[in-house]
Structure formats: C-alpha cells, structure tokens
N, C-alpha and C. Protein backbone atom coordinates (compact mmCIF):
# COMPACT_ATOMS: atom_id res chain seq x y z
N MET A 1 157.54 98.92 91.59
CA MET A 1 157.03 100.32 91.45
C MET A 1 156.95 100.94 92.60
N LYS A 2 157.06 102.56 92.62
CA LYS A 2 156.91 102.91 94.12
C LYS A 2 155.76 102.99 94.60
N ALA A 3 155.49 103.27 95.95
CA ALA A 3 154.48 103.23 96.74
C ALA A 3 153.17 104.32 96.18
N PRO A 4 153.73 105.47 95.80
CA PRO A 4 152.83 106.61 95.67
C PRO A 4 152.42 106.08 94.15
N ASP A 5 153.21 105.14 93.27
CA ASP A 5 152.39 105.07 92.37
C ASP A 5 151.98 104.43 92.28
N VAL A 6 151.88 103.12 93.40
CA VAL A 6 151.02 102.12 93.40
C VAL A 6 149.69 102.22 94.10
N ALA A 7 149.46 103.50 94.77
CA ALA A 7 148.55 103.98 95.34
C ALA A 7 147.62 104.75 94.54
N LEU A 8 148.07 105.61 93.67
CA LEU A 8 147.58 105.71 92.33
C LEU A 8 146.90 104.87 91.68
N LEU A 9 147.46 104.06 91.00
CA LEU A 9 146.78 102.75 90.41
C LEU A 9 145.68 102.18 91.31
N MET A 10 145.74 101.84 92.97
CA MET A 10 144.70 101.81 93.24
C MET A 10 143.60 102.51 93.26
N LEU A 11 143.78 103.73 93.28
CA LEU A 11 142.55 104.83 93.05
C LEU A 11 141.61 104.67 91.63
N ARG A 12 142.78 104.63 90.96
CA ARG A 12 142.44 104.44 89.71
C ARG A 12 141.08 103.18 89.71
N ASP A 13 141.63 102.22 90.13
CA ASP A 13 140.70 101.01 90.40
C ASP A 13 139.40 101.30 91.27
N ILE A 14 139.62 102.16 92.53
CA ILE A 14 138.63 102.25 92.98
C ILE A 14 137.35 103.31 92.24
N ARG A 15 138.03 103.78 91.93
CA ARG A 15 136.75 104.89 90.39
C ARG A 15 136.25 104.19 89.39
N LYS A 16 137.36 103.35 89.30
CA LYS A 16 136.78 102.22 88.03
C LYS A 16 135.25 101.64 88.41
N TYR A 17 135.70 101.01 89.42
CA TYR A 17 134.73 99.78 90.05
C TYR A 17 133.52 100.41 90.86
N GLY A 18 133.71 102.05 90.97
CA GLY A 18 132.38 102.79 91.43
C GLY A 18 132.17 102.37 92.78
N ILE A 19 133.33 102.44 93.57
CA ILE A 19 132.94 102.72 95.25
C ILE A 19 133.17 104.12 95.48
N PRO A 20 132.08 104.65 96.16
CA PRO A 20 131.98 105.98 96.41
C PRO A 20 132.87 106.45 97.56
N ALA A 21 133.28 107.72 96.79
CA ALA A 21 134.61 108.35 97.70
C ALA A 21 134.83 109.81 97.25
N LYS A 22 134.83 110.91 97.64
CA LYS A 22 135.53 111.93 97.29
C LYS A 22 136.24 112.51 97.73
N HIS A 23 137.14 112.02 99.21
CA HIS A 23 138.23 112.46 99.46
C HIS A 23 139.38 111.35 99.47
N VAL A 24 140.45 111.58 99.58
CA VAL A 24 141.54 110.64 99.86
C VAL A 24 142.16 111.25 101.10
N LEU A 25 142.21 110.86 101.98
CA LEU A 25 143.48 111.06 103.19
C LEU A 25 144.84 110.14 103.15
N PHE A 26 145.59 110.84 103.61
CA PHE A 26 147.10 110.64 103.65
C PHE A 26 147.77 111.19 104.38
N ASP A 27 149.17 110.12 104.91
CA ASP A 27 150.14 111.08 105.78
C ASP A 27 151.43 111.85 104.96
N SER A 28 152.13 112.79 105.30
CA SER A 28 153.02 113.63 105.10
C SER A 28 154.49 112.56 103.92
N LEU A 29 154.09 111.27 104.10
CA LEU A 29 154.71 110.23 103.27
C LEU A 29 154.63 110.70 102.00
N PHE A 30 152.83 110.59 101.43
CA PHE A 30 153.00 110.70 100.04
C PHE A 30 152.64 112.16 99.43
N THR A 31 152.67 113.12 100.53
CA THR A 31 152.54 114.70 100.26
C THR A 31 153.50 115.05 98.93
N HIS A 32 153.22 114.99 97.97
CA HIS A 32 154.17 115.32 97.02
C HIS A 32 153.86 116.06 95.68
N PRO A 33 153.81 117.04 95.51
CA PRO A 33 153.19 117.92 94.40
C PRO A 33 152.30 116.75 92.99
N LYS A 34 153.28 115.75 92.75
CA LYS A 34 153.16 115.06 91.84
C LYS A 34 151.55 114.08 92.26
N PHE A 35 151.80 113.66 93.30
CA PHE A 35 150.91 112.68 94.21
C PHE A 35 149.54 113.43 93.91
N VAL A 36 149.85 114.14 94.99
CA VAL A 36 148.45 115.31 94.87
C VAL A 36 147.75 115.40 93.62
N MET A 37 148.30 115.95 92.42
CA MET A 37 147.82 116.35 91.47
C MET A 37 147.45 115.35 90.73
N GLY A 38 147.93 113.89 90.96
CA GLY A 38 147.35 112.50 90.46
C GLY A 38 146.39 112.26 91.04
N ILE A 39 145.87 112.48 92.26
CA ILE A 39 144.76 112.34 93.13
C ILE A 39 143.88 113.15 92.19
N TYR A 40 144.17 114.59 91.89
CA TYR A 40 143.07 115.10 92.04
C TYR A 40 142.80 114.74 90.14
N ASP A 41 143.48 114.52 89.49
CA ASP A 41 143.25 113.89 88.23
C ASP A 41 142.41 112.81 87.76
N ILE A 42 142.41 112.05 88.78
CA ILE A 42 141.69 110.85 89.02
C ILE A 42 140.28 111.52 89.49
N GLY A 43 139.88 112.70 89.97
CA GLY A 43 138.49 112.90 90.27
C GLY A 43 138.58 112.91 91.58
N TYR A 44 139.33 113.10 92.70
CA TYR A 44 139.04 113.09 94.01
C TYR A 44 139.93 114.67 94.72
N HIS A 45 139.30 115.11 95.36
CA HIS A 45 140.20 116.00 96.28
C HIS A 45 140.82 115.08 97.60
N SER A 46 141.97 116.17 97.85
CA SER A 46 142.85 114.99 99.05
C SER A 46 143.27 116.15 100.64
N ILE A 47 143.16 115.37 101.38
CA ILE A 47 143.64 116.00 102.33
C ILE A 47 144.71 115.08 103.14
N GLY A 48 145.70 116.16 103.09
CA GLY A 48 147.12 115.51 103.85
C GLY A 48 148.01 116.53 104.57
N ARG A 49 148.92 115.41 105.43
CA ARG A 49 149.44 116.25 106.19
C ARG A 49 150.89 116.68 105.19
N LEU A 50 151.04 118.19 105.57
CA LEU A 50 152.76 118.62 104.46
C LEU A 50 153.84 118.69 105.31
N LYS A 51 154.97 118.32 104.48
CA LYS A 51 156.17 118.43 105.07
C LYS A 51 156.71 119.44 105.20
N ASN A 52 157.45 119.76 106.06
CA ASN A 52 158.34 121.12 105.96
C ASN A 52 159.31 120.88 105.11
N SER A 53 159.37 121.31 104.16
CA SER A 53 160.42 121.37 103.27
C SER A 53 160.51 122.57 102.35
N LYS A 54 161.13 122.73 101.07
CA LYS A 54 161.58 123.58 100.38
C LYS A 54 160.61 123.92 99.45
N THR A 55 159.53 123.00 99.53
CA THR A 55 158.49 123.26 98.62
C THR A 55 157.67 124.79 98.63
N LEU A 56 157.82 125.47 97.39
CA LEU A 56 156.69 126.76 97.78
C LEU A 56 155.20 126.23 97.05
N TYR A 57 154.37 127.05 98.30
CA TYR A 57 152.61 126.71 97.72
C TYR A 57 152.20 128.09 97.07
N SER A 58 151.34 128.08 96.23
CA SER A 58 150.78 129.12 96.06
C SER A 58 149.46 129.70 96.70
N HIS A 59 149.56 130.73 97.13
CA HIS A 59 148.08 131.39 97.97
C HIS A 59 147.87 132.78 97.51
N ASP A 60 146.68 133.03 96.87
CA ASP A 60 145.98 134.31 96.58
C ASP A 60 147.28 135.02 95.68
N GLY A 61 148.21 134.16 94.61
CA GLY A 61 148.91 134.73 93.73
C GLY A 61 150.45 134.85 94.17
N TYR A 62 150.68 134.58 95.33
CA TYR A 62 151.88 134.84 95.79
C TYR A 62 152.54 133.46 96.27
N THR A 63 153.87 133.10 96.32
CA THR A 63 154.27 131.96 96.70
C THR A 63 154.93 132.14 97.72
N TYR A 64 154.82 130.79 99.07
CA TYR A 64 155.13 131.22 100.35
C TYR A 64 155.65 129.51 100.14
N THR A 65 156.78 129.82 101.70
CA THR A 65 156.77 128.21 102.06
C THR A 65 156.12 128.10 103.31
N LEU A 66 155.60 126.65 103.76
CA LEU A 66 154.85 125.95 104.78
C LEU A 66 154.96 127.12 105.58
N LYS A 67 156.05 127.36 106.47
CA LYS A 67 156.10 128.01 107.56
C LYS A 67 155.41 129.24 107.21
N GLU A 68 155.85 130.17 106.48
CA GLU A 68 155.16 131.35 106.11
C GLU A 68 153.90 130.89 105.99
N LEU A 69 153.26 130.04 105.33
CA LEU A 69 151.56 130.00 105.24
C LEU A 69 151.00 129.59 106.53
N TYR A 70 151.81 128.88 107.68
CA TYR A 70 151.22 128.60 108.51
C TYR A 70 151.20 129.74 109.76
N GLY A 71 152.40 130.96 109.47
CA GLY A 71 152.32 131.73 110.31
C GLY A 71 151.08 133.02 109.96
N MET A 72 150.78 132.93 108.84
CA MET A 72 149.94 133.90 108.32
C MET A 72 148.28 133.17 108.61
N HIS A 73 148.06 132.28 108.42
CA HIS A 73 146.71 131.51 109.37
C HIS A 73 146.53 130.98 110.52
N LYS A 74 147.68 131.49 111.06
CA LYS A 74 147.77 131.17 113.02
C LYS A 74 146.29 131.51 113.51
N ILE A 75 145.98 130.42 114.36
CA ILE A 75 144.72 130.90 115.14
C ILE A 75 145.02 131.71 116.02
N ARG A 76 144.53 132.67 116.35
CA ARG A 76 145.09 133.81 117.32
C ARG A 76 143.83 133.87 118.31
N ALA A 77 144.03 134.03 119.53
CA ALA A 77 142.98 134.71 120.32
C ALA A 77 142.30 135.68 120.24
N GLY A 78 140.84 135.89 120.02
CA GLY A 78 140.47 136.55 119.67
C GLY A 78 140.09 137.17 118.50
N LYS A 79 140.53 136.38 117.25
CA LYS A 79 140.35 136.62 115.93
C LYS A 79 139.77 135.71 115.19
C-alpha cells in the first residue's frame, strides 16, 4: 500500500478507538486533494504544507494557483 493509504487507515483506527483529536498535521509529501478529502471524510480537519504544483485551489468562487493565493493574502506592513 502507498503511504497516504496507510495513513488514512491509521486515522480510521484512531477514530474507531476514540482517541481524541480534531486536526491532522502533515507535511507537503501527503498534501494531495484525495488525501485531504479522505481526512475530512473520516471526520478530522487538516493542516498541511502545500506544494507549489499545478493544482488549482478554489477561493470565493474563483480558482487560483498556490502562487496567486499567496500573493493575494500576503502580509503587508500597515495592512
């Protein structure tokens, strides 16, 4: 099995045995839409570093690349 599939199985076991958790933290190696949605389907929220790839992200009804999203939400002095 691939690592993301094993991680989802482990998360299902954690949920089944009642180990308290609300969020799952992971690195960019696991940050794929399928994996993130799998975490959400199990019942957890996810926190992960995103890869700079060709994946498009939806925000306020529009789609953006990661670079465009970071540019829109960049912290600027005085704002």
